[in-house]
Protein backbone atom coordinates (compact mmCIF):
# COMPACT_ATOMS: atom_id res chain seq x y z
CA UNK A 1 0.03 -0.35 -0.34
CA UNK A 2 1.10 3.83 -1.13
CA UNK A 3 -0.74 6.39 0.73
CA UNK A 4 0.44 10.17 -0.52
CA UNK A 5 -0.78 13.35 -0.20
CA UNK A 6 1.36 16.02 -1.86
CA UNK A 7 1.15 15.83 -6.20
CA UNK A 8 4.57 16.53 -8.36
CA UNK A 9 3.84 19.84 -9.73
CA UNK A 10 4.23 20.19 -13.52
CA UNK A 11 3.53 24.02 -14.20
CA UNK A 12 6.59 25.20 -15.91
CA UNK A 13 8.33 23.51 -18.85
CA UNK A 14 11.55 24.45 -18.78
CA UNK A 15 12.39 22.61 -15.75
CA UNK A 16 12.21 18.42 -15.27
CA UNK A 17 8.98 17.31 -12.84
CA UNK A 18 11.75 15.97 -10.16
CA UNK A 19 13.07 18.64 -10.21
CA UNK A 20 9.52 21.06 -9.21
CA UNK A 21 8.29 21.71 -5.88
CA UNK A 22 5.02 19.76 -4.47
CA UNK A 23 1.77 20.83 -4.72
CA UNK A 24 0.05 20.82 -1.61
CA UNK A 25 -3.98 20.00 -1.20
CA UNK A 26 -6.07 23.60 0.40
CA UNK A 27 -6.22 23.26 3.67
CA UNK A 28 -4.38 21.01 4.41
CA UNK A 29 -4.62 17.22 3.60
CA UNK A 30 -5.44 14.02 5.32
CA UNK A 31 -6.11 10.24 4.17
CA UNK A 32 -8.90 9.01 6.04
CA UNK A 33 -9.94 4.95 5.82
CA UNK A 34 -12.96 3.98 8.05
CA UNK A 35 -12.49 1.73 10.49
CA UNK A 36 -12.87 -1.81 9.29
CA UNK A 37 -12.19 -1.75 5.66
CA UNK A 38 -10.06 -3.89 3.48
CA UNK A 39 -7.53 -2.26 1.52
CA UNK A 40 -5.46 -4.98 -1.19
CA UNK A 41 -2.21 -5.56 -2.06
CA UNK A 42 -0.17 -2.29 -3.91
CA UNK A 43 -3.39 -0.22 -3.83
CA UNK A 44 -2.31 3.71 -4.52
CA UNK A 45 -4.20 6.28 -2.64
CA UNK A 46 -3.89 9.85 -3.72
CA UNK A 47 -4.13 13.08 -1.87
CA UNK A 48 -6.86 14.52 -0.07
CA UNK A 49 -9.13 10.77 0.44
CA UNK A 50 -12.14 10.00 2.95
CA UNK A 51 -12.60 5.72 2.18
CA UNK A 52 -15.23 4.73 4.60
CA UNK A 53 -16.03 2.09 6.76
CA UNK A 54 -16.23 -1.12 5.70
CA UNK A 55 -15.17 -0.69 2.26
CA UNK A 56 -12.95 -3.03 -0.04
CA UNK A 57 -10.74 -1.35 -2.58
CA UNK A 58 -9.19 -4.20 -4.48
CA UNK A 59 -5.80 -5.08 -5.57
CA UNK A 60 -3.77 -2.76 -7.41
CA UNK A 61 -6.43 -0.05 -7.60
CA UNK A 62 -5.63 4.11 -7.68
CA UNK A 63 -8.19 6.05 -5.36
CA UNK A 64 -8.37 9.67 -5.84
CA UNK A 65 -11.46 10.42 -4.90
CA UNK A 66 -13.98 9.68 -1.87
CA UNK A 67 -14.97 6.63 -1.43
CA UNK A 68 -18.74 6.03 0.95
CA UNK A 69 -18.99 3.49 3.53
CA UNK A 70 -19.55 0.42 2.56
CA UNK A 71 -18.66 0.15 -0.74
CA UNK A 72 -16.27 -1.81 -3.50
CA UNK A 73 -13.91 -0.31 -5.89
CA UNK A 74 -11.72 -1.40 -8.02
CA UNK A 75 -9.97 0.09 -10.51
CA UNK A 76 -7.62 2.18 -11.67
CA UNK A 77 -8.95 4.81 -10.93
CA UNK A 78 -10.73 3.41 -8.35
CA UNK A 79 -14.37 3.26 -9.43
CA UNK A 80 -17.42 1.65 -6.84
CA UNK A 81 -19.02 -1.39 -8.24
CA UNK A 82 -20.98 -2.31 -5.35
CA UNK A 83 -22.21 -0.69 -2.63
CA UNK A 84 -24.33 -2.77 0.58
CA UNK A 85 -27.95 -2.58 0.76
CA UNK A 86 -29.57 -2.65 3.93
CA UNK A 87 -32.97 -2.61 3.10
CA UNK A 88 -31.70 -6.04 0.99
CA UNK A 89 -29.28 -7.50 3.35
CA UNK A 90 -26.99 -7.79 0.25
CA UNK A 91 -24.06 -6.81 -1.88
CA UNK A 92 -24.99 -4.83 -5.16
CA UNK A 93 -23.50 -4.02 -8.26
CA UNK A 94 -23.68 -0.95 -9.78
CA UNK A 95 -23.64 -0.58 -13.19
């Protein structure tokens, strides 16, 4: 798993990106992972994001936006593919 807050700047095309300063997110940056969540192997969590409680983040996913509670997210960038439906008492696939 890899969790990072800042990102490289890339605006100045006269310098290599590795020489440009990091860009921080406004108002600081925090990553929050809710209780009971499972983060798969080689997942990258980038930036100011919150992963809700009881979530599954599939192996190799890149999370760059919030994932709500009781969700399954996979892919690059991570996309929610299932959510738990409390009325049906089961995981429901999303289209």
